[in-house]
Amino acid sequence: MGMFAGADFALNRYAKFFIVDSSGQRQPLTELTPEQTDLVKRALNYPVRPNFLAAGKAIAKRDWIPRGEPRPLALVDSKGKKVGVAAETYYWMAPFGLRPPGEKWKWDLQIEYWKLSYNPLTRRAHSNLVETFVFKPEEL
């Protein structure tokens, strides 16, 4: 087993974040603060639940507001070209100041951990969902 035994490293990993309300509707978090971004990078370097929980706690310290109107998802082909829009729409959630000290987080936070991989036979890269972490309000 040599130094170059695998090509799995932080640049091939990413995470998606969603606030999940009581009806199960997910709203994506589209912007993170520098502190949150740093915690996510650490979690992606060593992707275990406690590290994603640390990022989740930093996210729960903030208030989140929708940016504009709900937006549809863009549909793209295998070359990344836009081919249409999906029927469902989502708010893009952005941080808006610190949450007041006595106010509790009320929603589930869902963090999806993804990996990119490359198939040399097809010469295509694709994403694989590795794990979904769900953090309840009482954990955050």
N, C-alpha and C. Protein backbone atom coordinates (compact mmCIF):
# COMPACT_ATOMS: atom_id res chain seq x y z
N MET A 1 0.85 -1.17 0.00
CA MET A 1 0.00 0.00 0.00
C MET A 1 0.90 1.23 0.00
N GLY A 2 0.79 1.99 -1.02
CA GLY A 2 1.68 3.13 -1.17
C GLY A 2 1.02 4.45 -0.85
N MET A 3 1.79 5.46 -1.00
CA MET A 3 1.35 6.80 -0.72
C MET A 3 0.18 7.22 -1.62
N PHE A 4 0.10 6.70 -2.82
CA PHE A 4 -0.93 7.10 -3.77
C PHE A 4 -1.95 5.99 -3.98
N ALA A 5 -2.33 5.32 -2.89
CA ALA A 5 -3.24 4.19 -2.98
C ALA A 5 -4.65 4.60 -3.36
N GLY A 6 -5.04 5.82 -3.08
CA GLY A 6 -6.39 6.25 -3.41
C GLY A 6 -6.44 7.72 -3.75
N ALA A 7 -7.50 8.10 -4.41
CA ALA A 7 -7.66 9.50 -4.79
C ALA A 7 -8.77 10.18 -4.01
N ASP A 8 -9.07 9.66 -2.83
CA ASP A 8 -10.12 10.25 -2.01
C ASP A 8 -9.50 11.33 -1.11
N PHE A 9 -9.86 12.57 -1.37
CA PHE A 9 -9.37 13.66 -0.55
C PHE A 9 -10.43 14.75 -0.50
N ALA A 10 -10.20 15.78 0.30
CA ALA A 10 -11.22 16.78 0.58
C ALA A 10 -11.79 17.46 -0.65
N LEU A 11 -11.01 17.64 -1.69
CA LEU A 11 -11.54 18.31 -2.89
C LEU A 11 -12.59 17.46 -3.61
N ASN A 12 -12.65 16.18 -3.31
CA ASN A 12 -13.65 15.29 -3.92
C ASN A 12 -14.88 15.12 -3.04
N ARG A 13 -14.99 15.90 -1.99
CA ARG A 13 -16.10 15.79 -1.04
C ARG A 13 -16.81 17.13 -0.92
N TYR A 14 -18.12 17.06 -0.72
CA TYR A 14 -18.87 18.27 -0.45
C TYR A 14 -20.10 17.93 0.36
N ALA A 15 -20.74 18.97 0.89
CA ALA A 15 -21.93 18.77 1.72
C ALA A 15 -23.03 19.71 1.27
N LYS A 16 -24.25 19.26 1.45
CA LYS A 16 -25.44 20.09 1.21
C LYS A 16 -26.18 20.21 2.54
N PHE A 17 -26.72 21.39 2.80
CA PHE A 17 -27.38 21.68 4.06
C PHE A 17 -28.82 22.09 3.83
N PHE A 18 -29.73 21.57 4.68
CA PHE A 18 -31.14 21.87 4.53
C PHE A 18 -31.77 22.09 5.90
N ILE A 19 -32.60 23.11 5.99
CA ILE A 19 -33.49 23.28 7.14
C ILE A 19 -34.75 22.50 6.78
N VAL A 20 -35.20 21.65 7.70
CA VAL A 20 -36.39 20.82 7.46
C VAL A 20 -37.47 21.23 8.45
N ASP A 21 -38.61 21.72 7.93
CA ASP A 21 -39.68 22.15 8.83
C ASP A 21 -40.54 20.96 9.27
N SER A 22 -41.54 21.23 10.09
CA SER A 22 -42.35 20.15 10.67
C SER A 22 -43.14 19.37 9.62
N SER A 23 -43.39 19.97 8.46
CA SER A 23 -44.11 19.26 7.40
C SER A 23 -43.18 18.44 6.51
N GLY A 24 -41.86 18.51 6.78
CA GLY A 24 -40.89 17.76 5.98
C GLY A 24 -40.33 18.53 4.80
N GLN A 25 -40.79 19.77 4.60
CA GLN A 25 -40.29 20.60 3.50
C GLN A 25 -38.85 21.01 3.78
N ARG A 26 -37.97 20.81 2.80
CA ARG A 26 -36.55 21.16 2.95
C ARG A 26 -36.26 22.47 2.22
N GLN A 27 -35.50 23.34 2.89
CA GLN A 27 -35.03 24.57 2.27
C GLN A 27 -33.51 24.57 2.33
N PRO A 28 -32.85 24.72 1.19
CA PRO A 28 -31.38 24.65 1.18
C PRO A 28 -30.74 25.91 1.76
N LEU A 29 -29.65 25.70 2.49
CA LEU A 29 -28.84 26.82 2.96
C LEU A 29 -27.81 27.08 1.87
N THR A 30 -27.84 28.28 1.32
CA THR A 30 -27.01 28.57 0.14
C THR A 30 -25.77 29.39 0.46
N GLU A 31 -25.72 29.97 1.62
CA GLU A 31 -24.55 30.77 2.01
C GLU A 31 -24.18 30.38 3.43
N LEU A 32 -22.91 30.28 3.70
CA LEU A 32 -22.44 30.02 5.05
C LEU A 32 -21.49 31.13 5.47
N THR A 33 -21.40 31.35 6.77
CA THR A 33 -20.46 32.33 7.28
C THR A 33 -19.05 31.74 7.20
N PRO A 34 -18.00 32.56 7.32
CA PRO A 34 -16.63 32.01 7.32
C PRO A 34 -16.40 30.96 8.42
N GLU A 35 -16.96 31.19 9.61
CA GLU A 35 -16.81 30.21 10.71
C GLU A 35 -17.46 28.89 10.32
N GLN A 36 -18.66 28.95 9.78
CA GLN A 36 -19.37 27.73 9.37
C GLN A 36 -18.62 27.02 8.25
N THR A 37 -18.11 27.78 7.30
CA THR A 37 -17.35 27.21 6.18
C THR A 37 -16.13 26.46 6.69
N ASP A 38 -15.44 27.04 7.67
CA ASP A 38 -14.26 26.39 8.25
C ASP A 38 -14.64 25.08 8.93
N LEU A 39 -15.75 25.06 9.67
CA LEU A 39 -16.18 23.84 10.34
C LEU A 39 -16.60 22.77 9.32
N VAL A 40 -17.21 23.19 8.23
CA VAL A 40 -17.59 22.23 7.18
C VAL A 40 -16.33 21.64 6.54
N LYS A 41 -15.33 22.46 6.28
CA LYS A 41 -14.07 21.95 5.71
C LYS A 41 -13.44 20.91 6.65
N ARG A 42 -13.47 21.19 7.94
CA ARG A 42 -12.94 20.22 8.91
C ARG A 42 -13.74 18.92 8.88
N ALA A 43 -15.06 19.05 8.81
CA ALA A 43 -15.91 17.86 8.76
C ALA A 43 -15.65 17.05 7.50
N LEU A 44 -15.42 17.72 6.39
CA LEU A 44 -15.16 17.00 5.14
C LEU A 44 -13.80 16.32 5.14
N ASN A 45 -12.85 16.85 5.91
CA ASN A 45 -11.55 16.19 6.04
C ASN A 45 -11.65 14.90 6.85
N TYR A 46 -12.52 14.90 7.84
CA TYR A 46 -12.75 13.71 8.66
C TYR A 46 -14.26 13.58 8.85
N PRO A 47 -14.95 12.99 7.87
CA PRO A 47 -16.43 13.04 7.80
C PRO A 47 -17.14 12.05 8.73
N VAL A 48 -17.21 12.44 9.99
CA VAL A 48 -17.94 11.65 10.98
C VAL A 48 -19.01 12.54 11.62
N ARG A 49 -20.01 11.92 12.20
CA ARG A 49 -21.15 12.66 12.75
C ARG A 49 -20.75 13.78 13.73
N PRO A 50 -19.85 13.55 14.69
CA PRO A 50 -19.51 14.64 15.62
C PRO A 50 -18.95 15.89 14.91
N ASN A 51 -18.21 15.70 13.82
CA ASN A 51 -17.67 16.86 13.12
C ASN A 51 -18.76 17.62 12.37
N PHE A 52 -19.72 16.89 11.78
CA PHE A 52 -20.85 17.57 11.14
C PHE A 52 -21.76 18.21 12.18
N LEU A 53 -21.85 17.62 13.37
CA LEU A 53 -22.64 18.22 14.45
C LEU A 53 -22.05 19.58 14.84
N ALA A 54 -20.74 19.68 14.90
CA ALA A 54 -20.09 20.97 15.22
C ALA A 54 -20.48 22.03 14.20
N ALA A 55 -20.50 21.67 12.93
CA ALA A 55 -20.93 22.61 11.88
C ALA A 55 -22.40 22.93 12.06
N GLY A 56 -23.21 21.92 12.38
CA GLY A 56 -24.64 22.13 12.60
C GLY A 56 -24.93 23.08 13.75
N LYS A 57 -24.16 22.96 14.82
CA LYS A 57 -24.35 23.86 15.97
C LYS A 57 -24.03 25.30 15.59
N ALA A 58 -23.01 25.50 14.77
CA ALA A 58 -22.67 26.85 14.30
C ALA A 58 -23.79 27.40 13.41
N ILE A 59 -24.39 26.55 12.62
CA ILE A 59 -25.51 26.97 11.76
C ILE A 59 -26.71 27.35 12.61
N ALA A 60 -26.97 26.60 13.67
CA ALA A 60 -28.13 26.85 14.53
C ALA A 60 -27.97 28.11 15.38
N LYS A 61 -26.78 28.65 15.49
CA LYS A 61 -26.57 29.89 16.25
C LYS A 61 -27.08 31.10 15.49
N ARG A 62 -27.34 30.95 14.21
CA ARG A 62 -27.75 32.06 13.35
C ARG A 62 -29.23 32.01 13.03
N ASP A 63 -29.79 33.16 12.73
CA ASP A 63 -31.10 33.23 12.11
C ASP A 63 -30.91 33.07 10.62
N TRP A 64 -31.88 32.45 9.95
CA TRP A 64 -31.81 32.22 8.51
C TRP A 64 -33.06 32.80 7.87
N ILE A 65 -32.85 33.52 6.77
CA ILE A 65 -33.97 34.14 6.06
C ILE A 65 -33.93 33.72 4.59
N PRO A 66 -35.10 33.70 3.95
CA PRO A 66 -35.11 33.39 2.52
C PRO A 66 -34.60 34.58 1.71
N ARG A 67 -33.83 34.28 0.67
CA ARG A 67 -33.36 35.33 -0.25
C ARG A 67 -34.31 35.36 -1.44
N GLY A 68 -35.20 36.34 -1.43
CA GLY A 68 -36.12 36.51 -2.55
C GLY A 68 -37.25 35.50 -2.56
N GLU A 69 -37.82 35.32 -3.73
CA GLU A 69 -38.94 34.41 -3.94
C GLU A 69 -38.45 32.97 -4.10
N PRO A 70 -39.35 32.00 -3.95
CA PRO A 70 -38.93 30.61 -4.20
C PRO A 70 -38.42 30.47 -5.64
N ARG A 71 -37.38 29.66 -5.80
CA ARG A 71 -36.76 29.49 -7.12
C ARG A 71 -36.84 28.03 -7.54
N PRO A 72 -37.11 27.78 -8.83
CA PRO A 72 -37.15 26.40 -9.31
C PRO A 72 -35.74 25.84 -9.46
N LEU A 73 -35.64 24.54 -9.41
CA LEU A 73 -34.36 23.88 -9.66
C LEU A 73 -34.10 23.82 -11.15
N ALA A 74 -32.88 24.09 -11.54
CA ALA A 74 -32.50 23.97 -12.94
C ALA A 74 -32.20 22.51 -13.25
N LEU A 75 -32.64 22.04 -14.38
CA LEU A 75 -32.32 20.69 -14.84
C LEU A 75 -31.20 20.81 -15.86
N VAL A 76 -30.17 19.99 -15.71
CA VAL A 76 -29.02 20.04 -16.61
C VAL A 76 -28.76 18.67 -17.20
N ASP A 77 -28.14 18.65 -18.37
CA ASP A 77 -27.79 17.38 -18.99
C ASP A 77 -26.41 16.94 -18.53
N SER A 78 -25.91 15.85 -19.09
CA SER A 78 -24.63 15.28 -18.66
C SER A 78 -23.45 16.19 -18.96
N LYS A 79 -23.64 17.20 -19.80
CA LYS A 79 -22.58 18.14 -20.12
C LYS A 79 -22.69 19.44 -19.34
N GLY A 80 -23.67 19.50 -18.44
CA GLY A 80 -23.85 20.69 -17.62
C GLY A 80 -24.67 21.78 -18.26
N LYS A 81 -25.28 21.49 -19.38
CA LYS A 81 -26.09 22.48 -20.10
C LYS A 81 -27.52 22.47 -19.55
N LYS A 82 -28.08 23.66 -19.30
CA LYS A 82 -29.43 23.76 -18.77
C LYS A 82 -30.43 23.28 -19.82
N VAL A 83 -31.32 22.37 -19.39
CA VAL A 83 -32.32 21.82 -20.31
C VAL A 83 -33.76 22.10 -19.86
N GLY A 84 -33.91 22.78 -18.74
CA GLY A 84 -35.25 23.10 -18.24
C GLY A 84 -35.23 23.36 -16.76
N VAL A 85 -36.44 23.42 -16.19
CA VAL A 85 -36.57 23.62 -14.74
C VAL A 85 -37.52 22.59 -14.17
N ALA A 86 -37.29 22.23 -12.92
CA ALA A 86 -38.15 21.26 -12.23
C ALA A 86 -39.41 21.95 -11.74
N ALA A 87 -40.42 21.17 -11.43
CA ALA A 87 -41.70 21.71 -10.97
C ALA A 87 -41.60 22.29 -9.56
N GLU A 88 -40.77 21.70 -8.69
CA GLU A 88 -40.69 22.17 -7.32
C GLU A 88 -39.81 23.43 -7.23
N THR A 89 -40.09 24.24 -6.21
CA THR A 89 -39.32 25.45 -5.97
C THR A 89 -38.84 25.46 -4.53
N TYR A 90 -37.75 26.21 -4.30
CA TYR A 90 -37.16 26.30 -2.97
C TYR A 90 -36.73 27.73 -2.69
N TYR A 91 -36.79 28.11 -1.42
CA TYR A 91 -36.18 29.36 -1.00
C TYR A 91 -34.68 29.11 -0.84
N TRP A 92 -33.89 30.08 -1.16
CA TRP A 92 -32.46 30.03 -0.88
C TRP A 92 -32.27 30.73 0.44
N MET A 93 -31.82 29.99 1.44
CA MET A 93 -31.72 30.52 2.79
C MET A 93 -30.32 31.07 3.05
N ALA A 94 -30.27 32.26 3.65
CA ALA A 94 -29.00 32.93 3.94
C ALA A 94 -28.97 33.33 5.42
N PRO A 95 -27.78 33.36 6.04
CA PRO A 95 -27.68 33.75 7.46
C PRO A 95 -28.03 35.22 7.63
N PHE A 96 -28.69 35.52 8.76
CA PHE A 96 -29.10 36.89 9.04
C PHE A 96 -28.91 37.16 10.53
N GLY A 97 -27.70 37.39 10.94
CA GLY A 97 -27.42 37.73 12.33
C GLY A 97 -27.48 36.54 13.27
N LEU A 98 -27.03 36.80 14.49
CA LEU A 98 -27.03 35.75 15.51
C LEU A 98 -28.43 35.59 16.10
N ARG A 99 -28.75 34.36 16.45
CA ARG A 99 -30.03 34.07 17.10
C ARG A 99 -29.97 34.64 18.52
N PRO A 100 -31.06 35.25 19.01
CA PRO A 100 -31.07 35.75 20.38
C PRO A 100 -30.74 34.63 21.37
N PRO A 101 -30.00 34.93 22.45
CA PRO A 101 -29.50 33.90 23.36
C PRO A 101 -30.56 32.94 23.90
N GLY A 102 -31.76 33.41 24.22
CA GLY A 102 -32.78 32.54 24.80
C GLY A 102 -33.62 31.80 23.78
N GLU A 103 -33.46 32.12 22.52
CA GLU A 103 -34.31 31.52 21.48
C GLU A 103 -33.72 30.19 21.00
N LYS A 104 -34.52 29.17 21.02
CA LYS A 104 -34.07 27.83 20.64
C LYS A 104 -34.26 27.59 19.14
N TRP A 105 -33.40 26.76 18.58
CA TRP A 105 -33.54 26.29 17.20
C TRP A 105 -34.77 25.38 17.13
N LYS A 106 -35.62 25.53 16.11
CA LYS A 106 -36.90 24.83 16.08
C LYS A 106 -37.01 23.76 14.99
N TRP A 107 -36.03 23.61 14.15
CA TRP A 107 -36.17 22.74 12.98
C TRP A 107 -35.11 21.63 13.01
N ASP A 108 -35.35 20.62 12.19
CA ASP A 108 -34.31 19.63 11.95
C ASP A 108 -33.31 20.25 10.99
N LEU A 109 -32.07 19.85 11.11
CA LEU A 109 -31.04 20.24 10.16
C LEU A 109 -30.55 18.98 9.49
N GLN A 110 -30.60 18.96 8.18
CA GLN A 110 -30.18 17.79 7.41
C GLN A 110 -28.91 18.15 6.66
N ILE A 111 -27.88 17.33 6.83
CA ILE A 111 -26.61 17.54 6.14
C ILE A 111 -26.34 16.30 5.31
N GLU A 112 -26.22 16.51 4.00
CA GLU A 112 -25.89 15.42 3.09
C GLU A 112 -24.40 15.48 2.78
N TYR A 113 -23.73 14.36 2.94
CA TYR A 113 -22.31 14.25 2.65
C TYR A 113 -22.16 13.51 1.33
N TRP A 114 -21.51 14.15 0.34
CA TRP A 114 -21.36 13.64 -1.01
C TRP A 114 -19.90 13.47 -1.38
N LYS A 115 -19.64 12.52 -2.29
CA LYS A 115 -18.30 12.31 -2.84
C LYS A 115 -18.38 12.29 -4.36
N LEU A 116 -17.39 12.87 -4.97
CA LEU A 116 -17.24 12.79 -6.42
C LEU A 116 -16.38 11.59 -6.76
N SER A 117 -16.71 10.92 -7.83
CA SER A 117 -15.85 9.85 -8.29
C SER A 117 -15.77 9.91 -9.82
N TYR A 118 -14.73 9.33 -10.33
CA TYR A 118 -14.48 9.37 -11.76
C TYR A 118 -14.42 7.94 -12.30
N ASN A 119 -15.13 7.69 -13.38
CA ASN A 119 -15.10 6.38 -14.02
C ASN A 119 -14.22 6.49 -15.26
N PRO A 120 -13.03 5.90 -15.22
CA PRO A 120 -12.12 6.03 -16.36
C PRO A 120 -12.64 5.34 -17.63
N LEU A 121 -13.52 4.37 -17.50
CA LEU A 121 -14.07 3.70 -18.68
C LEU A 121 -15.01 4.61 -19.47
N THR A 122 -15.85 5.34 -18.74
CA THR A 122 -16.79 6.24 -19.41
C THR A 122 -16.26 7.67 -19.50
N ARG A 123 -15.18 7.91 -18.77
CA ARG A 123 -14.57 9.25 -18.67
C ARG A 123 -15.59 10.29 -18.19
N ARG A 124 -16.34 9.89 -17.18
CA ARG A 124 -17.35 10.76 -16.58
C ARG A 124 -17.17 10.79 -15.06
N ALA A 125 -17.39 11.97 -14.52
CA ALA A 125 -17.42 12.13 -13.07
C ALA A 125 -18.88 12.08 -12.62
N HIS A 126 -19.11 11.55 -11.44
CA HIS A 126 -20.46 11.57 -10.90
C HIS A 126 -20.38 11.69 -9.38
N SER A 127 -21.49 12.15 -8.81
CA SER A 127 -21.59 12.33 -7.36
C SER A 127 -22.34 11.18 -6.74
N ASN A 128 -21.89 10.80 -5.56
CA ASN A 128 -22.56 9.75 -4.79
C ASN A 128 -22.89 10.29 -3.41
N LEU A 129 -24.14 10.14 -3.01
CA LEU A 129 -24.52 10.49 -1.65
C LEU A 129 -23.98 9.41 -0.72
N VAL A 130 -23.10 9.80 0.19
CA VAL A 130 -22.47 8.84 1.09
C VAL A 130 -23.32 8.65 2.34
N GLU A 131 -23.75 9.75 2.94
CA GLU A 131 -24.50 9.66 4.18
C GLU A 131 -25.31 10.93 4.39
N THR A 132 -26.46 10.77 5.02
CA THR A 132 -27.29 11.92 5.39
C THR A 132 -27.35 11.96 6.91
N PHE A 133 -26.94 13.09 7.47
CA PHE A 133 -26.99 13.30 8.92
C PHE A 133 -28.20 14.17 9.21
N VAL A 134 -29.03 13.75 10.15
CA VAL A 134 -30.18 14.55 10.58
C VAL A 134 -29.96 14.91 12.04
N PHE A 135 -29.98 16.20 12.30
CA PHE A 135 -29.79 16.69 13.67
C PHE A 135 -31.10 17.32 14.13
N LYS A 136 -31.61 16.84 15.25
CA LYS A 136 -32.85 17.34 15.85
C LYS A 136 -32.55 18.62 16.62
N PRO A 137 -33.59 19.45 16.85
CA PRO A 137 -33.37 20.72 17.56
C PRO A 137 -32.68 20.56 18.92
N GLU A 138 -33.01 19.49 19.63
CA GLU A 138 -32.41 19.31 20.97
C GLU A 138 -30.92 19.00 20.90
N GLU A 139 -30.41 18.54 19.75
CA GLU A 139 -28.97 18.29 19.59
C GLU A 139 -28.22 19.58 19.29
N LEU A 140 -28.93 20.53 18.72
CA LEU A 140 -28.28 21.75 18.26
C LEU A 140 -28.40 22.83 19.31
